[in-house]
Amino acid sequence: MRNARILFVVAVVLLAACQSSGNPPGVDVSGVFRFPLSSPNFQDTGMMPKVTGCLGENKSPELAWNSMPADTRSLALIMTDPDVPGDIPFTHWVLYDIPAGTTKLAAGTQVGVSGLNDTNNAGYMGPCPPSGIHRYYFRLYALDVPSLGLPAGATRTQMETALKGHVIGVADLMGRYERK
């Protein structure tokens, strides 16, 4: 009985550690092809420029990628902040049906269809942490379908449901932002 309790506690601790990693919930990407995602505006895990946040121009950073799976038919992007209070990361950007030939998003622009962020607005919402430094995760999915079949304004949850069974590659980038 004691061993079962110890195993239970270890499992709960491991689960909590996995959930706090900042990775978007809801889409299993284990075993899928990994490709690079970068930005000339900041290094992975580095500070995002002021222009990308609420105290700047609220302008999305430039994102670039390459080496996607050869059979990629479209892409989808989610940006989240896992450092908000509560268990669910705050969604800052949902973008889907990005054409497969696309290899970058210029700063302040988007390609594809905009979903809703957690302020219930379509498009990019830049970082605006109430205090301290927050992490912002950009996750780009390579898909085996040309469209997710979602209308404009879908939520992250709706997009994650549509992604299931179609993810053939994934790329991640994390930036930090401090409101000061």
C-alpha atoms as a PDB file:
ATOM      1  CA  MET A   1       0.000   0.000   0.000  1.00  0.00           C
ATOM      2  CA  ARG A   2       2.844   2.384   0.888  1.00  0.00           C
ATOM      3  CA  ASN A   3       4.522   1.743  -2.488  1.00  0.00           C
ATOM      4  CA  ALA A   4       1.262   2.512  -4.282  1.00  0.00           C
ATOM      5  CA  ARG A   5       1.034   5.868  -2.468  1.00  0.00           C
ATOM      6  CA  ILE A   6       4.625   6.709  -3.338  1.00  0.00           C
ATOM      7  CA  LEU A   7       3.998   5.858  -6.996  1.00  0.00           C
ATOM      8  CA  PHE A   8       0.836   7.975  -6.959  1.00  0.00           C
ATOM      9  CA  VAL A   9       2.713  10.991  -5.530  1.00  0.00           C
ATOM     10  CA  VAL A  10       5.528  10.579  -8.060  1.00  0.00           C
ATOM     11  CA  ALA A  11       2.983  10.381 -10.907  1.00  0.00           C
ATOM     12  CA  VAL A  12       1.222  13.556  -9.715  1.00  0.00           C
ATOM     13  CA  VAL A  13       4.539  15.445  -9.444  1.00  0.00           C
ATOM     14  CA  LEU A  14       5.609  14.329 -12.919  1.00  0.00           C
ATOM     15  CA  LEU A  15       2.233  15.270 -14.387  1.00  0.00           C
ATOM     16  CA  ALA A  16       2.403  18.714 -12.793  1.00  0.00           C
ATOM     17  CA  ALA A  17       5.926  19.226 -14.130  1.00  0.00           C
ATOM     18  CA  CYS A  18       4.810  18.318 -17.648  1.00  0.00           C
ATOM     19  CA  GLN A  19       1.800  20.624 -17.464  1.00  0.00           C
ATOM     20  CA  SER A  20       3.860  23.583 -16.286  1.00  0.00           C
ATOM     21  CA  SER A  21       6.315  23.306 -19.170  1.00  0.00           C
ATOM     22  CA  GLY A  22       4.371  25.891 -21.166  1.00  0.00           C
ATOM     23  CA  ASN A  23       3.669  23.627 -24.096  1.00  0.00           C
ATOM     24  CA  PRO A  24       0.213  24.116 -25.522  1.00  0.00           C
ATOM     25  CA  PRO A  25      -2.210  21.532 -24.128  1.00  0.00           C
ATOM     26  CA  GLY A  26      -4.511  19.383 -26.177  1.00  0.00           C
ATOM     27  CA  VAL A  27      -2.415  18.211 -29.131  1.00  0.00           C
ATOM     28  CA  ASP A  28      -0.151  15.178 -28.845  1.00  0.00           C
ATOM     29  CA  VAL A  29       3.046  15.847 -30.783  1.00  0.00           C
ATOM     30  CA  SER A  30       5.065  12.934 -29.467  1.00  0.00           C
ATOM     31  CA  GLY A  31       6.891  11.202 -32.273  1.00  0.00           C
ATOM     32  CA  VAL A  32       6.220  13.854 -34.925  1.00  0.00           C
ATOM     33  CA  PHE A  33       8.947  15.459 -37.029  1.00  0.00           C
ATOM     34  CA  ARG A  34      10.575  18.530 -35.437  1.00  0.00           C
ATOM     35  CA  PHE A  35      11.655  21.480 -37.560  1.00  0.00           C
ATOM     36  CA  PRO A  36      13.151  24.878 -36.637  1.00  0.00           C
ATOM     37  CA  LEU A  37      11.156  28.025 -35.836  1.00  0.00           C
ATOM     38  CA  SER A  38      13.028  31.284 -35.251  1.00  0.00           C
ATOM     39  CA  SER A  39      12.675  35.038 -35.177  1.00  0.00           C
ATOM     40  CA  PRO A  40      15.187  37.716 -36.138  1.00  0.00           C
ATOM     41  CA  ASN A  41      13.550  39.831 -33.401  1.00  0.00           C
ATOM     42  CA  PHE A  42      14.640  37.616 -30.469  1.00  0.00           C
ATOM     43  CA  GLN A  43      16.524  34.423 -29.689  1.00  0.00           C
ATOM     44  CA  ASP A  44      14.771  31.306 -28.410  1.00  0.00           C
ATOM     45  CA  THR A  45      14.160  31.880 -24.649  1.00  0.00           C
ATOM     46  CA  GLY A  46      15.306  35.515 -25.070  1.00  0.00           C
ATOM     47  CA  MET A  47      13.482  38.767 -24.424  1.00  0.00           C
ATOM     48  CA  MET A  48      10.948  39.824 -27.038  1.00  0.00           C
ATOM     49  CA  PRO A  49      11.222  43.442 -28.201  1.00  0.00           C
ATOM     50  CA  LYS A  50       8.945  46.069 -26.648  1.00  0.00           C
ATOM     51  CA  VAL A  51       7.268  46.663 -30.050  1.00  0.00           C
ATOM     52  CA  THR A  52       5.624  43.206 -29.831  1.00  0.00           C
ATOM     53  CA  GLY A  53       3.748  43.975 -26.600  1.00  0.00           C
ATOM     54  CA  CYS A  54       0.978  46.130 -25.187  1.00  0.00           C
ATOM     55  CA  LEU A  55       3.349  48.959 -24.259  1.00  0.00           C
ATOM     56  CA  GLY A  56       4.767  49.022 -27.777  1.00  0.00           C
ATOM     57  CA  GLU A  57       2.950  48.677 -31.074  1.00  0.00           C
ATOM     58  CA  ASN A  58       1.350  45.299 -30.267  1.00  0.00           C
ATOM     59  CA  LYS A  59       3.006  44.074 -33.470  1.00  0.00           C
ATOM     60  CA  SER A  60       3.596  40.355 -34.000  1.00  0.00           C
ATOM     61  CA  PRO A  61       7.261  39.386 -34.313  1.00  0.00           C
ATOM     62  CA  GLU A  62       8.678  38.072 -37.552  1.00  0.00           C
ATOM     63  CA  LEU A  63       8.705  34.275 -37.547  1.00  0.00           C
ATOM     64  CA  ALA A  64      10.632  32.062 -39.961  1.00  0.00           C
ATOM     65  CA  TRP A  65      10.851  28.304 -40.497  1.00  0.00           C
ATOM     66  CA  ASN A  66      12.220  25.746 -42.923  1.00  0.00           C
ATOM     67  CA  SER A  67      12.831  22.026 -43.311  1.00  0.00           C
ATOM     68  CA  MET A  68       9.164  21.111 -42.862  1.00  0.00           C
ATOM     69  CA  PRO A  69       8.038  17.588 -43.752  1.00  0.00           C
ATOM     70  CA  ALA A  70       7.848  17.208 -47.540  1.00  0.00           C
ATOM     71  CA  ASP A  71       4.165  16.264 -47.420  1.00  0.00           C
ATOM     72  CA  THR A  72       3.094  19.415 -45.510  1.00  0.00           C
ATOM     73  CA  ARG A  73      -0.170  20.739 -46.992  1.00  0.00           C
ATOM     74  CA  SER A  74      -0.827  23.623 -44.553  1.00  0.00           C
ATOM     75  CA  LEU A  75       0.356  25.097 -41.257  1.00  0.00           C
ATOM     76  CA  ALA A  76      -1.250  26.332 -38.039  1.00  0.00           C
ATOM     77  CA  LEU A  77       0.148  28.525 -35.249  1.00  0.00           C
ATOM     78  CA  ILE A  78      -0.694  29.022 -31.580  1.00  0.00           C
ATOM     79  CA  MET A  79       0.925  31.531 -29.191  1.00  0.00           C
ATOM     80  CA  THR A  80       0.283  31.055 -25.466  1.00  0.00           C
ATOM     81  CA  ASP A  81       1.383  32.438 -22.096  1.00  0.00           C
ATOM     82  CA  PRO A  82       1.535  29.669 -19.461  1.00  0.00           C
ATOM     83  CA  ASP A  83       2.524  32.072 -16.663  1.00  0.00           C
ATOM     84  CA  VAL A  84      -0.931  33.531 -16.083  1.00  0.00           C
ATOM     85  CA  PRO A  85      -2.752  32.503 -12.895  1.00  0.00           C
ATOM     86  CA  GLY A  86      -4.709  29.268 -13.215  1.00  0.00           C
ATOM     87  CA  ASP A  87      -4.142  26.022 -15.016  1.00  0.00           C
ATOM     88  CA  ILE A  88      -4.877  27.072 -18.598  1.00  0.00           C
ATOM     89  CA  PRO A  89      -2.374  29.099 -20.650  1.00  0.00           C
ATOM     90  CA  PHE A  90      -3.634  32.408 -22.022  1.00  0.00           C
ATOM     91  CA  THR A  91      -4.022  32.298 -25.812  1.00  0.00           C
ATOM     92  CA  HIS A  92      -2.506  35.304 -27.590  1.00  0.00           C
ATOM     93  CA  TRP A  93      -2.696  34.162 -31.208  1.00  0.00           C
ATOM     94  CA  VAL A  94      -4.471  31.490 -33.240  1.00  0.00           C
ATOM     95  CA  LEU A  95      -3.712  31.265 -36.952  1.00  0.00           C
ATOM     96  CA  TYR A  96      -4.554  28.380 -39.297  1.00  0.00           C
ATOM     97  CA  ASP A  97      -4.835  27.389 -42.957  1.00  0.00           C
ATOM     98  CA  ILE A  98      -1.435  28.948 -43.608  1.00  0.00           C
ATOM     99  CA  PRO A  99      -0.413  27.774 -47.117  1.00  0.00           C
ATOM    100  CA  ALA A 100       2.232  25.041 -47.130  1.00  0.00           C
ATOM    101  CA  GLY A 101       4.701  27.066 -49.224  1.00  0.00           C
ATOM    102  CA  THR A 102       4.875  29.795 -46.593  1.00  0.00           C
ATOM    103  CA  THR A 103       8.211  29.937 -44.761  1.00  0.00           C
ATOM    104  CA  LYS A 104       7.816  33.130 -42.755  1.00  0.00           C
ATOM    105  CA  LEU A 105       5.427  35.657 -41.320  1.00  0.00           C
ATOM    106  CA  ALA A 106       6.710  39.219 -41.597  1.00  0.00           C
ATOM    107  CA  ALA A 107       6.478  41.345 -38.449  1.00  0.00           C
ATOM    108  CA  GLY A 108       2.990  42.725 -37.965  1.00  0.00           C
ATOM    109  CA  THR A 109       1.447  40.536 -40.661  1.00  0.00           C
ATOM    110  CA  GLN A 110      -0.307  37.235 -40.941  1.00  0.00           C
ATOM    111  CA  VAL A 111      -1.130  34.717 -43.620  1.00  0.00           C
ATOM    112  CA  GLY A 112      -4.019  32.314 -43.365  1.00  0.00           C
ATOM    113  CA  VAL A 113      -7.131  32.519 -41.216  1.00  0.00           C
ATOM    114  CA  SER A 114      -7.257  34.230 -37.816  1.00  0.00           C
ATOM    115  CA  GLY A 115      -8.793  32.542 -34.842  1.00  0.00           C
ATOM    116  CA  LEU A 116      -9.805  34.164 -31.578  1.00  0.00           C
ATOM    117  CA  ASN A 117      -7.364  34.996 -28.826  1.00  0.00           C
ATOM    118  CA  ASP A 118      -8.490  34.884 -25.186  1.00  0.00           C
ATOM    119  CA  THR A 119      -9.746  38.479 -25.314  1.00  0.00           C
ATOM    120  CA  ASN A 120     -12.289  37.164 -27.855  1.00  0.00           C
ATOM    121  CA  ASN A 121     -10.680  39.174 -30.662  1.00  0.00           C
ATOM    122  CA  ALA A 122      -9.299  37.825 -33.924  1.00  0.00           C
ATOM    123  CA  GLY A 123      -5.594  38.112 -34.614  1.00  0.00           C
ATOM    124  CA  TYR A 124      -2.463  38.752 -32.613  1.00  0.00           C
ATOM    125  CA  MET A 125      -2.550  40.094 -29.069  1.00  0.00           C
ATOM    126  CA  GLY A 126       0.905  40.952 -27.829  1.00  0.00           C
ATOM    127  CA  PRO A 127       2.387  40.240 -24.425  1.00  0.00           C
ATOM    128  CA  CYS A 128       1.106  42.335 -21.532  1.00  0.00           C
ATOM    129  CA  PRO A 129       1.987  40.578 -18.268  1.00  0.00           C
ATOM    130  CA  PRO A 130       0.625  42.275 -15.144  1.00  0.00           C
ATOM    131  CA  SER A 131       3.978  41.848 -13.386  1.00  0.00           C
ATOM    132  CA  GLY A 132       7.283  40.093 -13.802  1.00  0.00           C
ATOM    133  CA  ILE A 133       8.591  38.250 -16.827  1.00  0.00           C
ATOM    134  CA  HIS A 134       6.229  35.871 -18.646  1.00  0.00           C
ATOM    135  CA  ARG A 135       7.074  33.198 -21.226  1.00  0.00           C
ATOM    136  CA  TYR A 136       5.352  33.199 -24.618  1.00  0.00           C
ATOM    137  CA  TYR A 137       5.312  29.958 -26.591  1.00  0.00           C
ATOM    138  CA  PHE A 138       4.892  29.937 -30.352  1.00  0.00           C
ATOM    139  CA  ARG A 139       4.033  26.479 -31.690  1.00  0.00           C
ATOM    140  CA  LEU A 140       3.808  25.925 -35.444  1.00  0.00           C
ATOM    141  CA  TYR A 141       2.160  22.739 -36.707  1.00  0.00           C
ATOM    142  CA  ALA A 142       2.803  21.186 -40.132  1.00  0.00           C
ATOM    143  CA  LEU A 143      -0.373  19.445 -41.303  1.00  0.00           C
ATOM    144  CA  ASP A 144      -1.296  16.777 -43.842  1.00  0.00           C
ATOM    145  CA  VAL A 145      -4.470  18.638 -44.945  1.00  0.00           C
ATOM    146  CA  PRO A 146      -4.766  21.858 -46.995  1.00  0.00           C
ATOM    147  CA  SER A 147      -7.385  23.277 -44.605  1.00  0.00           C
ATOM    148  CA  LEU A 148      -8.708  22.535 -41.137  1.00  0.00           C
ATOM    149  CA  GLY A 149     -12.205  23.337 -42.376  1.00  0.00           C
ATOM    150  CA  LEU A 150     -12.792  25.879 -39.614  1.00  0.00           C
ATOM    151  CA  PRO A 151     -14.511  29.221 -40.103  1.00  0.00           C
ATOM    152  CA  ALA A 152     -12.641  32.434 -39.310  1.00  0.00           C
ATOM    153  CA  GLY A 153     -12.696  33.152 -35.600  1.00  0.00           C
ATOM    154  CA  ALA A 154     -12.263  29.605 -34.288  1.00  0.00           C
ATOM    155  CA  THR A 155     -10.933  29.237 -30.755  1.00  0.00           C
ATOM    156  CA  ARG A 156      -7.718  27.483 -29.759  1.00  0.00           C
ATOM    157  CA  THR A 157      -9.781  24.562 -28.435  1.00  0.00           C
ATOM    158  CA  GLN A 158     -11.655  24.233 -31.738  1.00  0.00           C
ATOM    159  CA  MET A 159      -8.382  24.388 -33.656  1.00  0.00           C
ATOM    160  CA  GLU A 160      -6.730  21.797 -31.412  1.00  0.00           C
ATOM    161  CA  THR A 161      -9.663  19.457 -31.961  1.00  0.00           C
ATOM    162  CA  ALA A 162      -9.356  19.913 -35.742  1.00  0.00           C
ATOM    163  CA  LEU A 163      -5.578  19.321 -35.583  1.00  0.00           C
ATOM    164  CA  LYS A 164      -5.890  15.838 -34.093  1.00  0.00           C
ATOM    165  CA  GLY A 165      -4.737  13.192 -36.528  1.00  0.00           C
ATOM    166  CA  HIS A 166      -3.295  15.750 -38.966  1.00  0.00           C
ATOM    167  CA  VAL A 167      -0.058  16.928 -37.309  1.00  0.00           C
ATOM    168  CA  ILE A 168       3.018  15.639 -39.169  1.00  0.00           C
ATOM    169  CA  GLY A 169       5.544  18.153 -37.839  1.00  0.00           C
ATOM    170  CA  VAL A 170       5.974  20.742 -35.132  1.00  0.00           C
ATOM    171  CA  ALA A 171       8.265  23.691 -34.415  1.00  0.00           C
ATOM    172  CA  ASP A 172       8.584  25.645 -31.168  1.00  0.00           C
ATOM    173  CA  LEU A 173       9.951  29.022 -30.147  1.00  0.00           C
ATOM    174  CA  MET A 174       9.737  30.714 -26.753  1.00  0.00           C
ATOM    175  CA  GLY A 175      10.227  34.381 -25.993  1.00  0.00           C
ATOM    176  CA  ARG A 176      10.033  36.308 -22.755  1.00  0.00           C
ATOM    177  CA  TYR A 177       8.455  39.691 -22.122  1.00  0.00           C
ATOM    178  CA  GLU A 178       8.421  42.051 -19.159  1.00  0.00           C
ATOM    179  CA  ARG A 179       6.054  44.959 -18.860  1.00  0.00           C
ATOM    180  CA  LYS A 180       8.027  47.934 -17.591  1.00  0.00           C
END
